Amino acid sequence: MNTFNAIAKSLGEVTLIALVLGVGVPVIVATGIRFWAPETVGADGGTATVPANRNAVTNAIAYVLFAVALVIVAAGILYVAKDFISHTFDIQLFGAKPPKK
């Protein structure tokens, strides 16, 4: 029964991380795109085909969200390649084991 509990716990952790990263990163990027998109405002207050000027604050928020998504993706790539980086460059990231000498 102990083995079953360990497998269920590990499976739950992997599923949770997959959901957070699989849904979270695209949501961050989509929110950044939404902030980056110019608002379209017509003369009568409705929507128009001519975009209005973008706000500096919304641009800054968009760039921060893009940077966060980029950092998450880069950290994921480094995490997957941690053993290769440890073996090739002798740099231990994310608790990688040092190469045997």
Protein backbone atom coordinates (compact mmCIF):
# COMPACT_ATOMS: atom_id res chain seq x y z
CA MET A 1 0.00 0.00 0.00
CA ASN A 2 2.95 2.30 0.67
CA THR A 3 4.11 1.96 -2.94
CA PHE A 4 0.65 2.87 -4.22
CA ASN A 5 0.59 6.01 -2.04
CA ALA A 6 4.05 7.06 -3.28
CA ILE A 7 3.02 6.56 -6.92
CA ALA A 8 -0.25 8.46 -6.40
CA LYS A 9 1.58 11.34 -4.71
CA SER A 10 4.18 11.56 -7.49
CA LEU A 11 1.50 11.38 -10.16
CA GLY A 12 -0.45 14.14 -8.44
CA GLU A 13 2.62 16.38 -8.27
CA VAL A 14 3.42 15.86 -11.94
CA THR A 15 -0.18 16.52 -12.94
CA LEU A 16 -0.31 19.71 -10.89
CA ILE A 17 2.94 21.03 -12.36
CA ALA A 18 1.81 20.13 -15.88
CA LEU A 19 -1.46 22.00 -15.38
CA VAL A 20 0.21 25.06 -13.88
CA LEU A 21 2.86 25.29 -16.58
CA GLY A 22 0.73 23.99 -19.44
CA VAL A 23 -2.05 26.46 -18.76
CA GLY A 24 -0.24 29.16 -16.80
CA VAL A 25 2.43 30.14 -19.32
CA PRO A 26 -0.01 30.45 -22.26
CA VAL A 27 -2.32 32.53 -20.06
CA ILE A 28 0.58 34.83 -19.17
CA VAL A 29 1.48 35.24 -22.86
CA ALA A 30 -2.15 35.78 -23.87
CA THR A 31 -2.59 38.41 -21.17
CA GLY A 32 0.58 40.13 -22.36
CA ILE A 33 -0.73 40.14 -25.93
CA ARG A 34 -4.01 41.61 -24.71
CA PHE A 35 -2.21 44.41 -22.88
CA TRP A 36 0.07 44.98 -25.88
CA ALA A 37 -2.79 45.24 -28.38
CA PRO A 38 -3.88 48.80 -29.09
CA GLU A 39 -7.36 49.82 -28.10
CA THR A 40 -9.59 50.76 -31.00
CA VAL A 41 -11.87 53.67 -30.19
CA GLY A 42 -14.15 55.42 -32.64
CA ALA A 43 -15.29 59.03 -32.58
CA ASP A 44 -18.71 58.02 -31.27
CA GLY A 45 -17.23 55.91 -28.46
CA GLY A 46 -17.68 52.62 -30.29
CA THR A 47 -15.02 50.48 -31.87
CA ALA A 48 -13.26 51.66 -34.99
CA THR A 49 -10.78 50.22 -37.42
CA VAL A 50 -8.16 52.87 -36.65
CA PRO A 51 -6.24 51.93 -33.51
CA ALA A 52 -5.68 54.56 -30.84
CA ASN A 53 -2.29 55.20 -29.27
CA ARG A 54 -1.15 52.62 -26.76
CA ASN A 55 -0.68 53.56 -23.15
CA ALA A 56 2.87 53.38 -21.74
CA VAL A 57 1.65 51.56 -18.63
CA THR A 58 -0.07 48.82 -20.63
CA ASN A 59 3.04 48.43 -22.77
CA ALA A 60 5.17 48.04 -19.65
CA ILE A 61 2.77 45.44 -18.22
CA ALA A 62 2.87 43.55 -21.52
CA TYR A 63 6.67 43.53 -21.64
CA VAL A 64 6.87 42.35 -18.02
CA LEU A 65 4.46 39.49 -18.77
CA PHE A 66 6.47 38.52 -21.86
CA ALA A 67 9.67 38.57 -19.79
CA VAL A 68 8.09 36.38 -17.09
CA ALA A 69 7.00 33.84 -19.72
CA LEU A 70 10.48 33.89 -21.27
CA VAL A 71 12.14 33.30 -17.90
CA ILE A 72 9.80 30.38 -17.16
CA VAL A 73 10.56 28.77 -20.52
CA ALA A 74 14.33 29.31 -20.13
CA ALA A 75 14.25 27.86 -16.60
CA GLY A 76 12.36 24.82 -17.91
CA ILE A 77 14.93 24.24 -20.63
CA LEU A 78 17.78 24.58 -18.14
CA TYR A 79 16.04 22.20 -15.75
CA VAL A 80 15.66 19.55 -18.44
CA ALA A 81 19.29 19.97 -19.52
CA LYS A 82 20.76 20.22 -15.99
CA ASP A 83 22.65 16.91 -16.16
CA PHE A 84 24.09 17.72 -19.59
CA ILE A 85 25.20 21.16 -18.39
CA SER A 86 26.71 19.62 -15.25
CA HIS A 87 28.61 17.00 -17.23
CA THR A 88 29.76 19.29 -20.05
CA PHE A 89 30.46 22.60 -18.30
CA ASP A 90 30.78 21.49 -14.64
CA ILE A 91 28.01 23.90 -13.61
CA GLN A 92 25.47 22.45 -11.20
CA LEU A 93 21.98 23.90 -11.70
CA PHE A 94 18.82 22.82 -9.87
CA GLY A 95 20.68 20.31 -7.71
CA ALA A 96 22.43 18.43 -10.52
CA LYS A 97 25.09 15.99 -9.42
CA PRO A 98 28.68 16.98 -10.19
CA PRO A 99 30.44 14.87 -12.83
CA LYS A 100 32.64 12.02 -11.65
CA LYS A 101 36.31 12.70 -12.10
